[in-house]
C-alpha cells in the first residue's frame, strides 16, 4: 500500500508517531522502509507497521516549519506584559521568519501558573531542534531579566516573626 498511496518519498523527513521514529527516508522497499534518524541510526521498519500508524511528513510542499514551545509563568504578572516580553525576545532572533505570524497565546491556567504557547516559523524543518533550543533560551533569558518567576517544585515557607525560611523540595521520580 505504501508504494501505491505514497505518503512519503525517498529524501522526505517523516515521523512515525507510535514508533516514535523521526528521520529521513533513505529507502522504500516492498517489505520495509529504511529511515536514517537525526542521530545517524538506521531504523528498518516493516511496511505493515507503517501502514497502520500515523505518519507526519515534514517535507511535502514546503520546508518551512512552525516551532513552538510551552512556557509556564507563575501567577502575578500582567498577562499582556508577559506576552509582549516573550514577543520582544523573539523579535531579537534573526532565524525567525517574520513574514509569518509570531504568536504568544495564553493556553490555560494551571495549578502552578499561566501556560503560554510561543510560536514562530523557520525556513527549514531540518533546524527544528536547534530552533527550539534557541527559542527556549531567548524566552528564559527574557523572563529571568524581567524578574518573572517560573514555577518550581519547591515550596518556600517564611516565618515572618522569626526570620526563618524553610524550603521543601518535591522529589523528582525520574
N, C-alpha and C. Protein backbone atom coordinates (compact mmCIF):
# COMPACT_ATOMS: atom_id res chain seq x y z
N UNK A 1 0.82 -1.21 0.00
CA UNK A 1 0.00 0.00 0.00
C UNK A 1 0.86 1.26 0.00
N UNK A 2 2.03 1.22 0.67
CA UNK A 2 2.88 2.41 0.70
C UNK A 2 3.32 2.82 -0.69
N UNK A 3 3.62 1.84 -1.54
CA UNK A 3 4.08 2.15 -2.88
C UNK A 3 2.94 2.70 -3.75
N UNK A 4 1.71 2.38 -3.41
CA UNK A 4 0.56 2.90 -4.16
C UNK A 4 0.14 4.25 -3.60
N UNK A 5 -0.02 4.35 -2.27
CA UNK A 5 -0.50 5.57 -1.61
C UNK A 5 0.56 6.67 -1.59
N UNK A 6 1.81 6.31 -1.43
CA UNK A 6 2.96 7.22 -1.40
C UNK A 6 2.82 8.38 -0.42
N UNK A 7 2.68 8.09 0.88
CA UNK A 7 2.60 9.18 1.86
C UNK A 7 3.94 9.90 2.06
N UNK A 8 5.01 9.29 1.56
CA UNK A 8 6.33 9.90 1.62
C UNK A 8 7.18 9.32 0.49
N UNK A 9 8.27 10.05 0.20
CA UNK A 9 9.22 9.64 -0.85
C UNK A 9 10.62 9.55 -0.25
N UNK A 10 11.54 8.98 -0.98
CA UNK A 10 12.94 8.94 -0.55
C UNK A 10 13.41 10.38 -0.41
N UNK A 11 14.07 10.67 0.70
CA UNK A 11 14.56 12.02 0.98
C UNK A 11 13.65 12.82 1.88
N UNK A 12 12.39 12.38 2.07
CA UNK A 12 11.47 13.10 2.94
C UNK A 12 11.83 12.88 4.40
N UNK A 13 11.58 13.90 5.21
CA UNK A 13 11.72 13.76 6.67
C UNK A 13 10.35 13.44 7.23
N UNK A 14 10.25 12.29 7.92
CA UNK A 14 8.97 11.85 8.44
C UNK A 14 9.07 11.50 9.92
N UNK A 15 7.90 11.45 10.54
CA UNK A 15 7.79 10.96 11.92
C UNK A 15 6.68 9.92 11.94
N UNK A 16 7.00 8.76 12.50
CA UNK A 16 6.02 7.70 12.67
C UNK A 16 5.67 7.72 14.15
N UNK A 17 4.46 8.18 14.45
CA UNK A 17 4.05 8.52 15.81
C UNK A 17 4.21 7.40 16.82
N UNK A 18 3.52 6.29 16.66
CA UNK A 18 3.53 5.23 17.68
C UNK A 18 4.90 4.61 17.85
N UNK A 19 5.69 4.58 16.80
CA UNK A 19 7.03 4.01 16.88
C UNK A 19 8.05 5.02 17.40
N UNK A 20 7.62 6.29 17.53
CA UNK A 20 8.48 7.38 17.98
C UNK A 20 9.78 7.42 17.17
N UNK A 21 9.63 7.29 15.86
CA UNK A 21 10.77 7.33 14.96
C UNK A 21 10.67 8.57 14.08
N UNK A 22 11.78 9.29 13.97
CA UNK A 22 11.80 10.55 13.26
C UNK A 22 13.11 10.64 12.48
N UNK A 23 13.03 10.80 11.16
CA UNK A 23 14.24 10.90 10.37
C UNK A 23 13.96 10.99 8.89
N UNK A 24 15.00 10.76 8.09
CA UNK A 24 14.91 10.88 6.63
C UNK A 24 14.76 9.50 5.99
N UNK A 25 13.81 9.39 5.08
CA UNK A 25 13.58 8.13 4.37
C UNK A 25 14.72 7.95 3.37
N UNK A 26 15.42 6.82 3.46
CA UNK A 26 16.52 6.58 2.52
C UNK A 26 16.21 5.44 1.56
N UNK A 27 15.23 4.59 1.91
CA UNK A 27 14.86 3.50 1.01
C UNK A 27 13.45 3.03 1.33
N UNK A 28 12.67 2.77 0.27
CA UNK A 28 11.33 2.20 0.43
C UNK A 28 11.30 0.91 -0.38
N UNK A 29 11.14 -0.20 0.31
CA UNK A 29 11.09 -1.49 -0.36
C UNK A 29 9.69 -2.08 -0.29
N UNK A 30 9.52 -3.28 -0.85
CA UNK A 30 8.23 -3.95 -0.82
C UNK A 30 7.85 -4.37 0.59
N UNK A 31 8.85 -4.73 1.42
CA UNK A 31 8.55 -5.24 2.76
C UNK A 31 8.89 -4.28 3.88
N UNK A 32 9.85 -3.37 3.66
CA UNK A 32 10.27 -2.47 4.74
C UNK A 32 10.71 -1.12 4.19
N UNK A 33 10.79 -0.16 5.11
CA UNK A 33 11.27 1.19 4.81
C UNK A 33 12.43 1.48 5.74
N UNK A 34 13.48 2.10 5.19
CA UNK A 34 14.65 2.44 5.99
C UNK A 34 14.67 3.95 6.22
N UNK A 35 14.84 4.29 7.51
CA UNK A 35 14.87 5.70 7.91
C UNK A 35 16.18 5.96 8.63
N UNK A 36 16.86 7.03 8.24
CA UNK A 36 18.09 7.45 8.90
C UNK A 36 17.70 8.55 9.89
N UNK A 37 17.88 8.27 11.18
CA UNK A 37 17.48 9.22 12.21
C UNK A 37 18.46 10.37 12.29
N UNK A 38 18.08 11.42 13.03
CA UNK A 38 18.92 12.60 13.18
C UNK A 38 20.24 12.27 13.89
N UNK A 39 20.25 11.21 14.70
CA UNK A 39 21.49 10.83 15.37
C UNK A 39 22.23 9.73 14.62
N UNK A 40 21.94 9.62 13.31
CA UNK A 40 22.65 8.76 12.38
C UNK A 40 22.47 7.27 12.67
N UNK A 41 21.27 6.90 13.10
CA UNK A 41 20.94 5.48 13.27
C UNK A 41 20.04 5.06 12.12
N UNK A 42 20.27 3.88 11.61
CA UNK A 42 19.43 3.32 10.56
C UNK A 42 18.32 2.50 11.22
N UNK A 43 17.07 2.87 10.96
CA UNK A 43 15.93 2.16 11.51
C UNK A 43 15.20 1.50 10.35
N UNK A 44 15.03 0.19 10.42
CA UNK A 44 14.32 -0.57 9.40
C UNK A 44 12.94 -0.91 9.97
N UNK A 45 11.90 -0.43 9.30
CA UNK A 45 10.54 -0.61 9.81
C UNK A 45 9.73 -1.41 8.79
N UNK A 46 9.08 -2.48 9.23
CA UNK A 46 8.22 -3.22 8.31
C UNK A 46 7.09 -2.31 7.80
N UNK A 47 6.83 -2.38 6.52
CA UNK A 47 5.79 -1.55 5.93
C UNK A 47 4.42 -1.83 6.56
N UNK A 48 4.21 -3.04 7.04
CA UNK A 48 2.94 -3.37 7.68
C UNK A 48 2.76 -2.52 8.95
N UNK A 49 3.85 -2.23 9.67
CA UNK A 49 3.78 -1.39 10.87
C UNK A 49 3.54 0.07 10.50
N UNK A 50 4.15 0.50 9.41
CA UNK A 50 3.98 1.89 8.98
C UNK A 50 2.55 2.12 8.49
N UNK A 51 1.99 1.14 7.82
CA UNK A 51 0.66 1.28 7.24
C UNK A 51 -0.45 1.48 8.24
N UNK A 52 -0.24 1.06 9.49
CA UNK A 52 -1.30 1.20 10.49
C UNK A 52 -1.04 2.37 11.45
N UNK A 53 0.02 3.13 11.24
CA UNK A 53 0.39 4.21 12.15
C UNK A 53 0.20 5.57 11.47
N UNK A 54 0.09 6.61 12.30
CA UNK A 54 0.01 7.96 11.77
C UNK A 54 1.40 8.43 11.37
N UNK A 55 1.50 8.99 10.18
CA UNK A 55 2.78 9.47 9.66
C UNK A 55 2.69 10.97 9.44
N UNK A 56 3.67 11.70 9.94
CA UNK A 56 3.78 13.13 9.67
C UNK A 56 4.92 13.31 8.70
N UNK A 57 4.63 13.92 7.55
CA UNK A 57 5.65 14.18 6.54
C UNK A 57 5.98 15.66 6.58
N UNK A 58 7.20 15.99 7.01
CA UNK A 58 7.62 17.37 7.15
C UNK A 58 8.13 17.96 5.82
N UNK A 59 8.24 17.16 4.79
CA UNK A 59 8.88 17.60 3.55
C UNK A 59 7.91 18.02 2.46
N UNK A 60 6.71 17.53 2.50
CA UNK A 60 5.80 17.76 1.37
C UNK A 60 5.39 19.21 1.29
N UNK A 61 5.42 19.70 0.12
CA UNK A 61 5.08 21.04 -0.33
C UNK A 61 6.12 22.08 0.02
N UNK A 62 6.52 22.18 1.27
CA UNK A 62 7.43 23.26 1.63
C UNK A 62 8.28 22.85 2.81
N UNK A 63 9.44 23.48 2.96
CA UNK A 63 10.33 23.14 4.07
C UNK A 63 10.11 24.04 5.28
N UNK A 64 9.29 25.10 5.14
CA UNK A 64 9.09 25.96 6.30
C UNK A 64 8.34 25.17 7.37
N UNK A 65 8.58 25.54 8.61
CA UNK A 65 8.06 24.75 9.72
C UNK A 65 7.78 25.68 10.90
N UNK A 66 6.68 25.41 11.61
CA UNK A 66 6.38 26.22 12.80
C UNK A 66 6.98 25.54 14.03
N UNK A 67 7.75 26.31 14.76
CA UNK A 67 8.36 25.87 16.01
C UNK A 67 7.53 26.46 17.14
N UNK A 68 7.27 25.65 18.15
CA UNK A 68 6.51 26.15 19.28
C UNK A 68 7.02 25.55 20.58
N UNK A 69 6.78 26.29 21.65
CA UNK A 69 7.18 25.83 22.97
C UNK A 69 6.17 26.31 23.99
N UNK A 70 6.01 25.55 25.05
CA UNK A 70 5.13 25.94 26.14
C UNK A 70 5.96 26.64 27.21
N UNK A 71 5.39 27.70 27.78
CA UNK A 71 6.05 28.47 28.83
C UNK A 71 5.05 28.63 29.98
N UNK A 72 5.44 28.22 31.16
CA UNK A 72 4.58 28.40 32.34
C UNK A 72 5.20 29.48 33.21
N UNK A 73 4.41 30.50 33.50
CA UNK A 73 4.85 31.64 34.29
C UNK A 73 4.01 31.67 35.57
N UNK A 74 4.65 31.90 36.69
CA UNK A 74 3.92 31.98 37.96
C UNK A 74 2.87 33.07 37.91
N UNK A 75 1.81 32.90 38.67
CA UNK A 75 0.76 33.91 38.74
C UNK A 75 1.30 35.20 39.33
N UNK A 76 0.75 36.31 38.89
CA UNK A 76 1.15 37.61 39.42
C UNK A 76 1.33 38.66 38.34
N UNK A 77 2.27 38.46 37.40
CA UNK A 77 2.50 39.49 36.38
C UNK A 77 1.30 39.64 35.44
N UNK A 78 1.18 40.83 34.89
CA UNK A 78 0.12 41.12 33.92
C UNK A 78 0.29 40.22 32.68
N UNK A 79 -0.80 39.66 32.20
CA UNK A 79 -0.77 38.74 31.06
C UNK A 79 -0.17 39.41 29.83
N UNK A 80 -0.62 40.62 29.51
CA UNK A 80 -0.12 41.31 28.31
C UNK A 80 1.36 41.67 28.44
N UNK A 81 1.80 41.99 29.66
CA UNK A 81 3.21 42.27 29.89
C UNK A 81 4.06 41.04 29.57
N UNK A 82 3.64 39.89 30.07
CA UNK A 82 4.37 38.64 29.82
C UNK A 82 4.35 38.32 28.34
N UNK A 83 3.18 38.42 27.71
CA UNK A 83 3.06 38.13 26.27
C UNK A 83 4.00 39.03 25.46
N UNK A 84 3.99 40.33 25.74
CA UNK A 84 4.84 41.27 24.99
C UNK A 84 6.32 41.04 25.26
N UNK A 85 6.65 40.64 26.48
CA UNK A 85 8.04 40.33 26.83
C UNK A 85 8.56 39.16 25.99
N UNK A 86 7.74 38.13 25.86
CA UNK A 86 8.13 36.96 25.06
C UNK A 86 8.22 37.32 23.58
N UNK A 87 7.26 38.08 23.08
CA UNK A 87 7.30 38.50 21.67
C UNK A 87 8.54 39.35 21.40
N UNK A 88 8.85 40.26 22.32
CA UNK A 88 10.03 41.11 22.16
C UNK A 88 11.31 40.26 22.14
N UNK A 89 11.37 39.24 22.98
CA UNK A 89 12.54 38.35 22.99
C UNK A 89 12.66 37.64 21.65
N UNK A 90 11.54 37.25 21.07
CA UNK A 90 11.54 36.55 19.78
C UNK A 90 11.96 37.49 18.65
N UNK A 91 11.63 38.77 18.76
CA UNK A 91 11.97 39.75 17.71
C UNK A 91 13.48 39.94 17.57
N UNK A 92 14.24 39.61 18.60
CA UNK A 92 15.69 39.77 18.55
C UNK A 92 16.40 38.55 17.94
N UNK A 93 15.64 37.56 17.55
CA UNK A 93 16.22 36.35 16.97
C UNK A 93 16.19 36.46 15.45
N UNK A 94 17.36 36.33 14.81
CA UNK A 94 17.45 36.51 13.35
C UNK A 94 17.07 35.27 12.55
N UNK A 95 16.83 34.15 13.17
CA UNK A 95 16.50 32.91 12.47
C UNK A 95 14.99 32.74 12.29
N UNK A 96 14.20 33.60 12.90
CA UNK A 96 12.74 33.52 12.80
C UNK A 96 12.27 34.20 11.51
N UNK A 97 11.31 33.59 10.84
CA UNK A 97 10.71 34.17 9.63
C UNK A 97 9.60 35.14 10.07
N UNK A 98 9.86 36.42 9.97
CA UNK A 98 8.90 37.42 10.46
C UNK A 98 7.77 37.72 9.49
N UNK A 99 7.88 37.23 8.26
CA UNK A 99 6.78 37.41 7.32
C UNK A 99 5.60 36.49 7.66
N UNK A 100 5.85 35.51 8.52
CA UNK A 100 4.81 34.61 9.02
C UNK A 100 4.50 34.99 10.47
N UNK A 101 3.32 34.61 10.96
CA UNK A 101 2.91 35.05 12.31
C UNK A 101 3.84 34.57 13.43
N UNK A 102 4.16 35.48 14.32
CA UNK A 102 4.84 35.19 15.58
C UNK A 102 3.76 35.38 16.64
N UNK A 103 3.49 34.34 17.41
CA UNK A 103 2.38 34.39 18.35
C UNK A 103 2.79 33.92 19.74
N UNK A 104 2.14 34.51 20.74
CA UNK A 104 2.23 34.04 22.11
C UNK A 104 0.80 33.97 22.61
N UNK A 105 0.33 32.76 22.84
CA UNK A 105 -1.06 32.53 23.21
C UNK A 105 -1.15 32.06 24.66
N UNK A 106 -2.12 32.59 25.41
CA UNK A 106 -2.37 32.09 26.76
C UNK A 106 -3.27 30.87 26.62
N UNK A 107 -2.74 29.70 26.94
CA UNK A 107 -3.47 28.45 26.75
C UNK A 107 -4.38 28.09 27.91
N UNK A 108 -3.84 28.17 29.13
CA UNK A 108 -4.63 27.74 30.27
C UNK A 108 -4.01 28.24 31.57
N UNK A 109 -4.82 28.11 32.62
CA UNK A 109 -4.35 28.40 33.97
C UNK A 109 -4.13 27.07 34.65
N UNK A 110 -2.90 26.79 35.04
CA UNK A 110 -2.57 25.51 35.66
C UNK A 110 -2.49 25.68 37.17
N UNK A 111 -2.23 24.60 37.86
CA UNK A 111 -2.06 24.66 39.30
C UNK A 111 -0.86 25.45 39.73
N UNK A 112 0.11 25.62 38.83
CA UNK A 112 1.34 26.32 39.20
C UNK A 112 1.55 27.65 38.48
N UNK A 113 0.71 27.97 37.48
CA UNK A 113 0.90 29.24 36.79
C UNK A 113 0.13 29.33 35.49
N UNK A 114 0.43 30.38 34.73
CA UNK A 114 -0.22 30.62 33.44
C UNK A 114 0.60 29.93 32.35
N UNK A 115 -0.05 29.15 31.52
CA UNK A 115 0.64 28.41 30.47
C UNK A 115 0.45 29.12 29.14
N UNK A 116 1.57 29.59 28.56
CA UNK A 116 1.59 30.24 27.26
C UNK A 116 2.17 29.28 26.22
N UNK A 117 1.80 29.48 24.97
CA UNK A 117 2.44 28.78 23.85
C UNK A 117 3.04 29.85 22.95
N UNK A 118 4.37 29.80 22.77
CA UNK A 118 5.07 30.73 21.88
C UNK A 118 5.32 30.00 20.56
N UNK A 119 4.94 30.67 19.44
CA UNK A 119 5.05 30.02 18.13
C UNK A 119 5.68 30.98 17.11
N UNK A 120 6.55 30.40 16.28
CA UNK A 120 7.16 31.16 15.19
C UNK A 120 7.52 30.19 14.06
N UNK A 121 7.88 30.74 12.93
CA UNK A 121 8.19 29.93 11.75
C UNK A 121 9.67 30.00 11.42
N UNK A 122 10.20 28.86 10.93
CA UNK A 122 11.59 28.79 10.48
C UNK A 122 11.62 28.36 9.01
N UNK A 123 12.72 28.62 8.35
CA UNK A 123 12.83 28.35 6.92
C UNK A 123 12.96 26.88 6.57
N UNK A 124 13.53 26.08 7.47
CA UNK A 124 13.80 24.70 7.11
C UNK A 124 13.56 23.78 8.31
N UNK A 125 12.70 22.80 8.13
CA UNK A 125 12.36 21.87 9.20
C UNK A 125 13.57 21.13 9.76
N UNK A 126 14.66 21.08 9.01
CA UNK A 126 15.88 20.39 9.47
C UNK A 126 16.41 21.06 10.74
N UNK A 127 16.15 22.35 10.91
CA UNK A 127 16.66 23.11 12.05
C UNK A 127 15.70 23.11 13.24
N UNK A 128 14.73 22.21 13.26
CA UNK A 128 13.69 22.22 14.30
C UNK A 128 14.27 22.17 15.70
N UNK A 129 15.08 21.19 16.01
CA UNK A 129 15.59 21.01 17.37
C UNK A 129 16.47 22.18 17.81
N UNK A 130 17.34 22.64 16.93
CA UNK A 130 18.20 23.77 17.25
C UNK A 130 17.36 25.02 17.47
N UNK A 131 16.34 25.20 16.64
CA UNK A 131 15.46 26.36 16.78
C UNK A 131 14.66 26.31 18.07
N UNK A 132 14.21 25.13 18.48
CA UNK A 132 13.51 25.00 19.75
C UNK A 132 14.42 25.40 20.90
N UNK A 133 15.68 24.99 20.84
CA UNK A 133 16.65 25.37 21.86
C UNK A 133 16.83 26.89 21.89
N UNK A 134 17.01 27.48 20.72
CA UNK A 134 17.19 28.94 20.65
C UNK A 134 15.96 29.68 21.18
N UNK A 135 14.78 29.20 20.82
CA UNK A 135 13.55 29.83 21.27
C UNK A 135 13.43 29.74 22.80
N UNK A 136 13.64 28.55 23.35
CA UNK A 136 13.56 28.38 24.80
C UNK A 136 14.59 29.24 25.52
N UNK A 137 15.80 29.31 24.99
CA UNK A 137 16.86 30.10 25.61
C UNK A 137 16.51 31.58 25.61
N UNK A 138 16.03 32.09 24.48
CA UNK A 138 15.67 33.52 24.38
C UNK A 138 14.55 33.87 25.34
N UNK A 139 13.55 33.02 25.43
CA UNK A 139 12.42 33.27 26.33
C UNK A 139 12.87 33.20 27.79
N UNK A 140 13.65 32.20 28.13
CA UNK A 140 14.13 32.05 29.50
C UNK A 140 14.92 33.28 29.93
N UNK A 141 15.85 33.73 29.08
CA UNK A 141 16.67 34.91 29.42
C UNK A 141 15.80 36.14 29.60
N UNK A 142 14.80 36.33 28.73
CA UNK A 142 13.92 37.49 28.84
C UNK A 142 13.13 37.47 30.14
N UNK A 143 12.61 36.31 30.50
CA UNK A 143 11.83 36.20 31.73
C UNK A 143 12.69 36.41 32.97
N UNK A 144 13.88 35.83 32.98
CA UNK A 144 14.80 35.99 34.11
C UNK A 144 15.22 37.45 34.24
N UNK A 145 15.56 38.10 33.12
CA UNK A 145 15.98 39.50 33.16
C UNK A 145 14.87 40.43 33.63
N UNK A 146 13.62 40.05 33.41
CA UNK A 146 12.47 40.85 33.84
C UNK A 146 11.97 40.43 35.22
N UNK A 147 12.70 39.53 35.87
CA UNK A 147 12.31 39.02 37.19
C UNK A 147 10.92 38.40 37.21
N UNK A 148 10.57 37.71 36.12
CA UNK A 148 9.32 36.97 36.04
C UNK A 148 9.60 35.56 36.55
N UNK A 149 8.86 35.14 37.55
CA UNK A 149 9.09 33.83 38.16
C UNK A 149 8.44 32.73 37.34
N UNK A 150 9.16 31.63 37.23
CA UNK A 150 8.63 30.42 36.62
C UNK A 150 8.46 29.41 37.75
N UNK A 151 7.39 28.65 37.71
CA UNK A 151 7.13 27.73 38.83
C UNK A 151 8.25 26.72 39.03
N UNK A 152 8.47 26.37 40.27
CA UNK A 152 9.41 25.30 40.59
C UNK A 152 8.68 24.31 41.47
N UNK A 153 9.34 23.22 41.76
CA UNK A 153 8.72 22.21 42.61
C UNK A 153 9.02 22.48 44.09
N UNK A 154 9.70 23.59 44.38
CA UNK A 154 10.00 23.94 45.77
C UNK A 154 8.84 24.71 46.39
N UNK A 155 8.58 24.44 47.65
CA UNK A 155 7.61 25.20 48.43
C UNK A 155 8.42 25.93 49.49
N UNK A 156 8.33 27.25 49.50
CA UNK A 156 9.09 28.04 50.46
C UNK A 156 8.12 28.61 51.49
N UNK A 157 8.40 28.35 52.75
CA UNK A 157 7.57 28.84 53.85
C UNK A 157 8.38 29.86 54.62
N UNK A 158 7.84 31.07 54.76
CA UNK A 158 8.51 32.14 55.51
C UNK A 158 7.82 32.29 56.86
N UNK A 159 8.61 32.30 57.93
CA UNK A 159 8.10 32.58 59.26
C UNK A 159 8.48 34.02 59.57
N UNK A 160 7.56 34.94 59.31
CA UNK A 160 7.86 36.37 59.33
C UNK A 160 8.39 36.86 60.68
N UNK A 161 7.80 36.44 61.74
CA UNK A 161 8.20 36.99 63.03
C UNK A 161 9.50 36.39 63.57
N UNK A 162 9.98 35.29 62.97
CA UNK A 162 11.18 34.65 63.48
C UNK A 162 12.36 34.73 62.51
N UNK A 163 12.16 35.27 61.31
CA UNK A 163 13.24 35.40 60.34
C UNK A 163 13.75 34.07 59.83
N UNK A 164 12.91 33.04 59.84
CA UNK A 164 13.30 31.70 59.41
C UNK A 164 12.63 31.39 58.06
N UNK A 165 13.38 30.74 57.18
CA UNK A 165 12.84 30.31 55.89
C UNK A 165 13.04 28.81 55.76
N UNK A 166 11.99 28.10 55.39
CA UNK A 166 12.04 26.65 55.23
C UNK A 166 11.71 26.33 53.78
N UNK A 167 12.55 25.53 53.13
CA UNK A 167 12.30 25.13 51.75
C UNK A 167 12.06 23.64 51.70
N UNK A 168 10.95 23.25 51.11
CA UNK A 168 10.61 21.84 50.93
C UNK A 168 10.61 21.55 49.44
N UNK A 169 11.45 20.64 49.00
CA UNK A 169 11.54 20.30 47.59
C UNK A 169 10.80 19.01 47.30
N UNK A 170 10.04 19.03 46.23
CA UNK A 170 9.34 17.83 45.79
C UNK A 170 10.35 16.93 45.11
N UNK A 171 10.38 15.68 45.47
CA UNK A 171 11.32 14.73 44.88
C UNK A 171 10.87 14.41 43.46
N UNK A 172 11.81 14.45 42.53
CA UNK A 172 11.54 14.09 41.13
C UNK A 172 11.71 12.60 40.98
N UNK A 173 10.67 11.91 40.54
CA UNK A 173 10.72 10.45 40.43
C UNK A 173 11.50 9.95 39.23
N UNK A 174 11.94 10.84 38.35
CA UNK A 174 12.67 10.40 37.15
C UNK A 174 14.06 10.11 37.52
